[in-house]
C-alpha atoms as a PDB file:
ATOM      1  CA  MET A   1     116.920 -13.802 289.545  1.00  0.00           C
ATOM      2  CA  THR A   2     116.922 -14.659 293.219  1.00  0.00           C
ATOM      3  CA  ASP A   3     119.000 -12.699 295.696  1.00  0.00           C
ATOM      4  CA  HIS A   4     121.148 -15.772 296.254  1.00  0.00           C
ATOM      5  CA  ASN A   5     121.907 -15.901 292.521  1.00  0.00           C
ATOM      6  CA  ARG A   6     122.573 -12.152 292.461  1.00  0.00           C
ATOM      7  CA  TRP A   7     125.028 -12.571 295.345  1.00  0.00           C
ATOM      8  CA  THR A   8     126.747 -15.548 293.705  1.00  0.00           C
ATOM      9  CA  ASP A   9     127.092 -13.711 290.388  1.00  0.00           C
ATOM     10  CA  LEU A  10     128.340 -10.522 292.016  1.00  0.00           C
ATOM     11  CA  LEU A  11     130.844 -12.387 294.171  1.00  0.00           C
ATOM     12  CA  ARG A  12     132.182 -14.101 291.054  1.00  0.00           C
ATOM     13  CA  LYS A  13     132.546 -10.714 289.322  1.00  0.00           C
ATOM     14  CA  ILE A  14     134.339  -9.218 292.325  1.00  0.00           C
ATOM     15  CA  GLU A  15     136.746 -12.129 292.622  1.00  0.00           C
ATOM     16  CA  ARG A  16     137.558 -12.091 288.891  1.00  0.00           C
ATOM     17  CA  CYS A  17     137.871  -8.326 288.564  1.00  0.00           C
ATOM     18  CA  PRO A  18     141.363  -6.813 288.592  1.00  0.00           C
ATOM     19  CA  GLU A  19     142.136  -5.535 292.073  1.00  0.00           C
ATOM     20  CA  ALA A  20     142.636  -1.985 290.828  1.00  0.00           C
ATOM     21  CA  ASP A  21     139.108  -1.869 289.395  1.00  0.00           C
ATOM     22  CA  ARG A  22     136.983  -3.994 291.695  1.00  0.00           C
ATOM     23  CA  TYR A  23     136.021  -1.057 293.929  1.00  0.00           C
ATOM     24  CA  ARG A  24     133.737  -0.002 291.072  1.00  0.00           C
ATOM     25  CA  LEU A  25     131.478  -2.940 291.966  1.00  0.00           C
ATOM     26  CA  GLN A  26     130.846  -1.601 295.486  1.00  0.00           C
ATOM     27  CA  PRO A  27     127.619   0.261 294.553  1.00  0.00           C
ATOM     28  CA  ASP A  28     126.197  -2.998 293.168  1.00  0.00           C
ATOM     29  CA  LEU A  29     127.135  -4.795 296.369  1.00  0.00           C
ATOM     30  CA  ALA A  30     125.667  -2.025 298.519  1.00  0.00           C
ATOM     31  CA  ARG A  31     122.407  -2.256 296.548  1.00  0.00           C
ATOM     32  CA  LEU A  32     122.265  -6.015 297.052  1.00  0.00           C
ATOM     33  CA  ILE A  33     122.947  -5.695 300.792  1.00  0.00           C
ATOM     34  CA  HIS A  34     120.217  -3.044 301.045  1.00  0.00           C
ATOM     35  CA  ASP A  35     117.769  -5.294 299.182  1.00  0.00           C
ATOM     36  CA  LEU A  36     118.543  -8.240 301.456  1.00  0.00           C
ATOM     37  CA  LYS A  37     118.061  -6.142 304.598  1.00  0.00           C
ATOM     38  CA  THR A  38     114.833  -4.612 303.265  1.00  0.00           C
ATOM     39  CA  GLN A  39     113.438  -8.091 302.624  1.00  0.00           C
ATOM     40  CA  GLY A  40     114.402  -9.215 306.127  1.00  0.00           C
ATOM     41  CA  GLN A  41     117.002 -11.655 304.845  1.00  0.00           C
ATOM     42  CA  SER A  42     120.371 -12.175 306.438  1.00  0.00           C
ATOM     43  CA  VAL A  43     123.396 -10.617 304.767  1.00  0.00           C
ATOM     44  CA  PRO A  44     126.237 -13.096 304.251  1.00  0.00           C
ATOM     45  CA  SER A  45     129.272 -12.174 306.340  1.00  0.00           C
ATOM     46  CA  LYS A  46     131.401 -12.438 303.204  1.00  0.00           C
ATOM     47  CA  ALA A  47     129.226  -9.743 301.583  1.00  0.00           C
ATOM     48  CA  ARG A  48     129.770  -7.414 304.560  1.00  0.00           C
ATOM     49  CA  LYS A  49     133.527  -8.047 304.469  1.00  0.00           C
ATOM     50  CA  TRP A  50     133.717  -7.371 300.729  1.00  0.00           C
ATOM     51  CA  ASP A  51     131.597  -4.234 301.132  1.00  0.00           C
ATOM     52  CA  HIS A  52     133.974  -2.863 303.756  1.00  0.00           C
ATOM     53  CA  LEU A  53     137.025  -3.714 301.642  1.00  0.00           C
ATOM     54  CA  LEU A  54     135.573  -2.221 298.461  1.00  0.00           C
ATOM     55  CA  GLN A  55     134.585   0.961 300.303  1.00  0.00           C
ATOM     56  CA  SER A  56     138.176   1.288 301.521  1.00  0.00           C
ATOM     57  CA  GLU A  57     139.500   0.683 298.012  1.00  0.00           C
ATOM     58  CA  ALA A  58     137.109   3.292 296.578  1.00  0.00           C
ATOM     59  CA  LEU A  59     138.292   5.854 299.124  1.00  0.00           C
ATOM     60  CA  GLU A  60     141.914   5.072 298.329  1.00  0.00           C
ATOM     61  CA  ALA A  61     141.227   5.389 294.596  1.00  0.00           C
ATOM     62  CA  GLN A  62     139.838   8.880 295.173  1.00  0.00           C
ATOM     63  CA  PHE A  63     143.078   9.974 296.781  1.00  0.00           C
ATOM     64  CA  ASP A  64     145.194   8.339 294.092  1.00  0.00           C
ATOM     65  CA  ASN A  65     143.785  10.901 291.659  1.00  0.00           C
ATOM     66  CA  VAL A  66     144.430  13.968 293.804  1.00  0.00           C
ATOM     67  CA  PRO A  67     147.266  16.104 292.468  1.00  0.00           C
ATOM     68  CA  VAL A  68     150.084  16.743 294.901  1.00  0.00           C
END
């Protein structure tokens, strides 16, 4: 599978995933971004935006589970 296909498939998964759970796809996105950079390819701006958003959602999810 080409990186373009991986990105297209992952983007589709992210967009279809329930908002409360989509942060779980961030490690897959981070891996794809790393692979693109390692191969000297450009990272789509949409991938960077989603990565930032999913990282924020993952951090928020951590605090949602902290007892008060």
